[in-house]
């Protein structure tokens, strides 16, 4: 009698951290990570990362552009603990130390297809 392994499903995340509006700050970067429940495991891609430092462009006085790619695949046997993307934005203070300038989190969308998440 053969033992059966529980079936798994895969969740693939493809996207990018496009940018942010910070009227009062410049020279910012993002740190991101995925958080998920104990039934989830990453199978490929990065679970966390850091973007490049960006400055405001001449076209917009408030918009910072990163266009930083994200690509990660998870597997699970259970939808409980569905992955979330957590983003923190850092920049220098008057002394040159990196401090948090903003943060947010969002669940990875449940529906397949394209999605634009703002936070």
N, C-alpha and C. Protein backbone atom coordinates (compact mmCIF):
# COMPACT_ATOMS: atom_id res chain seq x y z
N UNK A 1 0.85 -1.17 0.00
CA UNK A 1 0.00 0.00 0.00
C UNK A 1 0.89 1.24 0.00
N UNK A 2 0.71 2.07 -0.95
CA UNK A 2 1.53 3.28 -1.08
C UNK A 2 0.94 4.40 -0.24
N UNK A 3 1.82 5.14 0.37
CA UNK A 3 1.35 6.32 1.11
C UNK A 3 1.24 7.48 0.14
N UNK A 4 0.21 8.24 0.31
CA UNK A 4 0.02 9.38 -0.60
C UNK A 4 0.53 10.66 0.06
N UNK A 5 1.23 11.44 -0.71
CA UNK A 5 1.68 12.74 -0.23
C UNK A 5 0.54 13.74 -0.43
N UNK A 6 0.40 14.68 0.48
CA UNK A 6 -0.65 15.67 0.28
C UNK A 6 -0.35 16.50 -0.96
N UNK A 7 -1.40 16.82 -1.69
CA UNK A 7 -1.19 17.63 -2.89
C UNK A 7 -0.91 19.07 -2.49
N UNK A 8 -0.17 19.75 -3.31
CA UNK A 8 0.17 21.15 -3.03
C UNK A 8 -0.33 22.02 -4.18
N UNK A 9 -0.44 23.29 -3.92
CA UNK A 9 -0.70 24.24 -4.98
C UNK A 9 0.40 25.29 -4.95
N UNK A 10 0.61 25.92 -6.09
CA UNK A 10 1.67 26.92 -6.23
C UNK A 10 1.06 28.31 -6.40
N UNK A 11 1.72 29.28 -5.85
CA UNK A 11 1.36 30.68 -6.01
C UNK A 11 2.59 31.40 -6.54
N UNK A 12 2.49 31.94 -7.74
CA UNK A 12 3.59 32.68 -8.34
C UNK A 12 3.28 34.16 -8.33
N UNK A 13 4.22 34.93 -7.83
CA UNK A 13 4.08 36.39 -7.75
C UNK A 13 5.06 37.01 -8.73
N UNK A 14 4.55 37.75 -9.70
CA UNK A 14 5.37 38.50 -10.66
C UNK A 14 4.88 39.93 -10.63
N UNK A 15 5.77 40.86 -10.46
CA UNK A 15 5.35 42.25 -10.46
C UNK A 15 6.52 43.17 -10.20
N UNK A 16 6.18 44.37 -9.74
CA UNK A 16 7.23 45.34 -9.44
C UNK A 16 6.75 46.34 -8.41
N UNK A 17 7.72 46.88 -7.70
CA UNK A 17 7.48 48.04 -6.85
C UNK A 17 7.74 49.24 -7.75
N UNK A 18 6.69 49.92 -8.16
CA UNK A 18 6.82 50.98 -9.16
C UNK A 18 7.40 52.27 -8.59
N UNK A 19 6.78 52.81 -7.57
CA UNK A 19 7.24 54.09 -7.05
C UNK A 19 6.39 54.55 -5.89
N UNK A 20 6.63 55.80 -5.47
CA UNK A 20 5.91 56.34 -4.33
C UNK A 20 5.90 57.86 -4.41
N UNK A 21 4.96 58.45 -3.70
CA UNK A 21 4.88 59.91 -3.57
C UNK A 21 5.34 60.31 -2.18
N UNK A 22 6.43 61.02 -2.11
CA UNK A 22 6.96 61.56 -0.86
C UNK A 22 7.34 63.02 -1.11
N UNK A 23 6.40 63.95 -0.92
CA UNK A 23 6.68 65.35 -1.24
C UNK A 23 7.85 65.94 -0.46
N UNK A 24 8.03 65.51 0.77
CA UNK A 24 9.04 66.15 1.62
C UNK A 24 10.38 65.42 1.68
N UNK A 25 10.50 64.26 1.01
CA UNK A 25 11.74 63.48 1.10
C UNK A 25 12.30 63.14 -0.28
N UNK A 26 13.58 62.87 -0.30
CA UNK A 26 14.28 62.48 -1.52
C UNK A 26 15.33 61.44 -1.16
N UNK A 27 15.95 60.82 -2.15
CA UNK A 27 16.99 59.80 -1.93
C UNK A 27 16.48 58.66 -1.05
N UNK A 28 15.38 58.05 -1.46
CA UNK A 28 14.75 56.97 -0.69
C UNK A 28 14.95 55.62 -1.38
N UNK A 29 14.86 54.56 -0.57
CA UNK A 29 14.90 53.19 -1.08
C UNK A 29 13.92 52.34 -0.30
N UNK A 30 13.56 51.19 -0.86
CA UNK A 30 12.60 50.26 -0.23
C UNK A 30 13.30 48.99 0.21
N UNK A 31 12.86 48.48 1.33
CA UNK A 31 13.14 47.10 1.72
C UNK A 31 11.81 46.38 1.68
N UNK A 32 11.80 45.18 1.14
CA UNK A 32 10.56 44.41 1.09
C UNK A 32 10.81 43.00 1.59
N UNK A 33 9.75 42.37 2.06
CA UNK A 33 9.81 40.96 2.42
C UNK A 33 8.40 40.38 2.30
N UNK A 34 8.35 39.09 2.10
CA UNK A 34 7.09 38.36 2.12
C UNK A 34 6.95 37.70 3.48
N UNK A 35 5.78 37.79 4.07
CA UNK A 35 5.48 37.06 5.30
C UNK A 35 4.33 36.11 4.99
N UNK A 36 4.37 34.93 5.61
CA UNK A 36 3.40 33.89 5.27
C UNK A 36 3.29 32.91 6.43
N UNK A 37 2.24 32.10 6.38
CA UNK A 37 1.97 31.12 7.43
C UNK A 37 2.89 29.92 7.38
N UNK A 38 2.77 29.08 8.41
CA UNK A 38 3.69 27.94 8.55
C UNK A 38 3.47 26.84 7.51
N UNK A 39 2.31 26.81 6.84
CA UNK A 39 2.07 25.82 5.80
C UNK A 39 2.66 26.22 4.45
N UNK A 40 3.22 27.41 4.36
CA UNK A 40 3.76 27.94 3.11
C UNK A 40 5.27 27.79 3.07
N UNK A 41 5.80 27.61 1.86
CA UNK A 41 7.25 27.53 1.68
C UNK A 41 7.62 28.15 0.33
N UNK A 42 8.65 28.97 0.31
CA UNK A 42 9.11 29.51 -0.98
C UNK A 42 9.82 28.41 -1.78
N UNK A 43 9.56 28.36 -3.08
CA UNK A 43 10.21 27.36 -3.92
C UNK A 43 11.20 27.99 -4.89
N UNK A 44 11.00 29.25 -5.24
CA UNK A 44 11.96 29.96 -6.10
C UNK A 44 11.80 31.46 -5.90
N UNK A 45 12.82 32.19 -6.27
CA UNK A 45 12.78 33.64 -6.13
C UNK A 45 13.28 34.08 -4.77
N UNK A 46 13.23 35.38 -4.56
CA UNK A 46 13.72 35.98 -3.32
C UNK A 46 12.57 36.29 -2.38
N UNK A 47 12.77 36.01 -1.09
CA UNK A 47 11.77 36.32 -0.08
C UNK A 47 11.88 37.75 0.42
N UNK A 48 13.03 38.36 0.24
CA UNK A 48 13.23 39.73 0.69
C UNK A 48 14.28 40.39 -0.19
N UNK A 49 14.28 41.72 -0.17
CA UNK A 49 15.24 42.43 -0.98
C UNK A 49 15.24 43.91 -0.69
N UNK A 50 16.06 44.62 -1.44
CA UNK A 50 16.22 46.05 -1.27
C UNK A 50 16.36 46.69 -2.65
N UNK A 51 15.71 47.82 -2.84
CA UNK A 51 15.76 48.51 -4.13
C UNK A 51 16.95 49.44 -4.18
N UNK A 52 17.12 50.06 -5.32
CA UNK A 52 18.12 51.11 -5.47
C UNK A 52 17.60 52.40 -4.83
N UNK A 53 18.50 53.32 -4.55
CA UNK A 53 18.12 54.65 -4.07
C UNK A 53 17.65 55.46 -5.27
N UNK A 54 16.56 56.19 -5.09
CA UNK A 54 16.05 57.00 -6.19
C UNK A 54 15.81 58.44 -5.74
N UNK A 55 15.90 59.32 -6.70
CA UNK A 55 15.64 60.75 -6.49
C UNK A 55 14.43 61.16 -7.32
N UNK A 56 13.83 62.26 -6.95
CA UNK A 56 12.69 62.77 -7.70
C UNK A 56 13.15 63.23 -9.08
N UNK A 57 12.31 62.96 -10.06
CA UNK A 57 12.64 63.37 -11.42
C UNK A 57 12.25 64.81 -11.68
N UNK A 58 12.67 65.32 -12.80
CA UNK A 58 12.35 66.70 -13.16
C UNK A 58 10.89 66.86 -13.59
N UNK A 59 10.24 65.76 -13.99
CA UNK A 59 8.85 65.83 -14.44
C UNK A 59 7.86 65.93 -13.29
N UNK A 60 8.22 65.42 -12.12
CA UNK A 60 7.30 65.42 -10.98
C UNK A 60 8.07 65.77 -9.72
N UNK A 61 7.52 66.67 -8.96
CA UNK A 61 8.20 67.10 -7.74
C UNK A 61 7.95 66.16 -6.56
N UNK A 62 7.02 65.22 -6.71
CA UNK A 62 6.67 64.34 -5.60
C UNK A 62 6.96 62.87 -5.87
N UNK A 63 7.07 62.47 -7.11
CA UNK A 63 7.10 61.05 -7.48
C UNK A 63 8.52 60.50 -7.51
N UNK A 64 8.71 59.38 -6.78
CA UNK A 64 9.96 58.62 -6.81
C UNK A 64 9.70 57.33 -7.57
N UNK A 65 10.57 56.95 -8.49
CA UNK A 65 10.37 55.78 -9.33
C UNK A 65 11.45 54.74 -9.02
N UNK A 66 11.00 53.51 -8.70
CA UNK A 66 11.93 52.39 -8.50
C UNK A 66 11.84 51.38 -9.64
N UNK A 67 10.62 51.01 -10.03
CA UNK A 67 10.41 49.96 -11.04
C UNK A 67 11.25 48.73 -10.72
N UNK A 68 11.15 48.28 -9.48
CA UNK A 68 11.96 47.17 -8.99
C UNK A 68 11.19 45.86 -9.15
N UNK A 69 11.74 44.88 -9.88
CA UNK A 69 11.00 43.65 -10.16
C UNK A 69 10.91 42.71 -8.94
N UNK A 70 9.77 42.02 -8.86
CA UNK A 70 9.53 40.99 -7.85
C UNK A 70 9.14 39.71 -8.58
N UNK A 71 9.72 38.60 -8.18
CA UNK A 71 9.34 37.31 -8.75
C UNK A 71 9.63 36.23 -7.72
N UNK A 72 8.58 35.63 -7.20
CA UNK A 72 8.70 34.62 -6.16
C UNK A 72 7.60 33.58 -6.35
N UNK A 73 7.89 32.34 -6.05
CA UNK A 73 6.90 31.27 -6.08
C UNK A 73 6.85 30.59 -4.72
N UNK A 74 5.62 30.35 -4.25
CA UNK A 74 5.39 29.67 -2.98
C UNK A 74 4.60 28.40 -3.25
N UNK A 75 4.72 27.43 -2.33
CA UNK A 75 3.85 26.26 -2.38
C UNK A 75 3.21 26.10 -1.01
N UNK A 76 2.02 25.49 -1.02
CA UNK A 76 1.31 25.26 0.23
C UNK A 76 0.29 24.15 0.03
N UNK A 77 -0.14 23.58 1.13
CA UNK A 77 -1.23 22.61 1.13
C UNK A 77 -2.51 23.23 1.67
N UNK A 78 -2.43 24.50 2.08
CA UNK A 78 -3.51 25.12 2.82
C UNK A 78 -3.49 26.63 2.54
N UNK A 79 -4.61 27.27 2.25
CA UNK A 79 -4.60 28.71 2.00
C UNK A 79 -4.44 29.56 3.26
N UNK A 80 -4.54 28.94 4.42
CA UNK A 80 -4.36 29.70 5.66
C UNK A 80 -2.93 30.26 5.72
N UNK A 81 -2.81 31.49 6.12
CA UNK A 81 -1.50 32.14 6.16
C UNK A 81 -1.05 32.66 4.81
N UNK A 82 -2.02 32.98 3.96
CA UNK A 82 -1.74 33.48 2.60
C UNK A 82 -0.68 34.57 2.65
N UNK A 83 0.28 34.57 1.74
CA UNK A 83 1.41 35.51 1.79
C UNK A 83 1.00 36.98 1.69
N UNK A 84 1.77 37.79 2.36
CA UNK A 84 1.63 39.24 2.30
C UNK A 84 2.97 39.85 1.88
N UNK A 85 2.91 40.98 1.22
CA UNK A 85 4.10 41.74 0.87
C UNK A 85 4.18 42.92 1.84
N UNK A 86 5.31 43.04 2.52
CA UNK A 86 5.55 44.13 3.46
C UNK A 86 6.66 45.01 2.88
N UNK A 87 6.40 46.31 2.80
CA UNK A 87 7.35 47.26 2.22
C UNK A 87 7.64 48.35 3.23
N UNK A 88 8.91 48.66 3.42
CA UNK A 88 9.35 49.78 4.25
C UNK A 88 10.20 50.70 3.39
N UNK A 89 10.00 52.00 3.52
CA UNK A 89 10.75 52.99 2.75
C UNK A 89 11.70 53.71 3.71
N UNK A 90 12.96 53.79 3.32
CA UNK A 90 14.00 54.40 4.15
C UNK A 90 14.66 55.55 3.41
N UNK A 91 15.16 56.49 4.19
CA UNK A 91 15.92 57.60 3.64
C UNK A 91 16.74 58.27 4.72
N UNK A 92 17.66 59.13 4.33
CA UNK A 92 18.55 59.76 5.32
C UNK A 92 17.86 60.87 6.11
N UNK A 93 18.24 60.98 7.39
CA UNK A 93 17.81 62.13 8.19
C UNK A 93 18.87 63.22 8.08
N UNK A 94 18.75 64.27 8.87
CA UNK A 94 19.69 65.40 8.76
C UNK A 94 21.12 65.01 9.14
N UNK A 95 21.27 63.89 9.88
CA UNK A 95 22.60 63.42 10.28
C UNK A 95 23.16 62.36 9.34
N UNK A 96 22.40 62.00 8.29
CA UNK A 96 22.86 60.99 7.34
C UNK A 96 22.51 59.57 7.73
N UNK A 97 21.77 59.38 8.82
CA UNK A 97 21.35 58.04 9.25
C UNK A 97 20.08 57.64 8.49
N UNK A 98 19.99 56.38 8.10
CA UNK A 98 18.78 55.89 7.44
C UNK A 98 17.67 55.71 8.46
N UNK A 99 16.52 56.30 8.18
CA UNK A 99 15.36 56.20 9.06
C UNK A 99 14.15 55.80 8.22
N UNK A 100 13.14 55.23 8.86
CA UNK A 100 11.92 54.83 8.17
C UNK A 100 11.13 56.08 7.78
N UNK A 101 10.76 56.16 6.51
CA UNK A 101 9.95 57.27 6.01
C UNK A 101 8.53 56.84 5.68
N UNK A 102 8.30 55.54 5.62
CA UNK A 102 6.96 55.02 5.36
C UNK A 102 6.99 53.51 5.33
N UNK A 103 5.80 52.90 5.44
CA UNK A 103 5.70 51.44 5.39
C UNK A 103 4.28 51.04 5.05
N UNK A 104 4.11 49.81 4.63
CA UNK A 104 2.79 49.29 4.31
C UNK A 104 2.86 47.80 4.05
N UNK A 105 1.69 47.19 3.99
CA UNK A 105 1.59 45.75 3.72
C UNK A 105 0.31 45.48 2.96
N UNK A 106 0.33 44.45 2.14
CA UNK A 106 -0.85 44.02 1.42
C UNK A 106 -0.79 42.51 1.20
N UNK A 107 -1.96 41.87 1.24
CA UNK A 107 -2.02 40.45 0.88
C UNK A 107 -1.79 40.31 -0.62
N UNK A 108 -1.14 39.24 -1.01
CA UNK A 108 -1.03 38.92 -2.42
C UNK A 108 -2.45 38.62 -2.90
N UNK A 109 -2.89 39.18 -4.02
CA UNK A 109 -4.28 38.97 -4.46
C UNK A 109 -4.63 37.49 -4.62
N UNK A 110 -5.87 37.16 -4.27
CA UNK A 110 -6.36 35.78 -4.39
C UNK A 110 -6.70 35.42 -5.83
N UNK A 111 -7.13 36.40 -6.60
CA UNK A 111 -7.57 36.14 -7.97
C UNK A 111 -6.40 36.16 -8.94
N UNK A 112 -6.39 35.25 -9.91
CA UNK A 112 -5.32 35.28 -10.91
C UNK A 112 -5.48 36.49 -11.83
N UNK A 113 -4.40 36.85 -12.47
CA UNK A 113 -4.44 37.97 -13.40
C UNK A 113 -3.70 39.17 -12.86
N UNK A 114 -3.90 40.30 -13.52
CA UNK A 114 -3.21 41.52 -13.13
C UNK A 114 -3.93 42.21 -11.98
N UNK A 115 -3.13 42.86 -11.16
CA UNK A 115 -3.68 43.60 -10.02
C UNK A 115 -2.74 44.75 -9.71
N UNK A 116 -3.30 45.88 -9.33
CA UNK A 116 -2.52 47.04 -8.92
C UNK A 116 -2.84 47.28 -7.45
N UNK A 117 -1.86 47.10 -6.59
CA UNK A 117 -2.05 47.28 -5.16
C UNK A 117 -1.39 48.58 -4.73
N UNK A 118 -2.16 49.44 -4.10
CA UNK A 118 -1.63 50.71 -3.60
C UNK A 118 -1.70 50.70 -2.09
N UNK A 119 -0.61 51.11 -1.48
CA UNK A 119 -0.59 51.24 -0.02
C UNK A 119 0.42 52.25 0.40
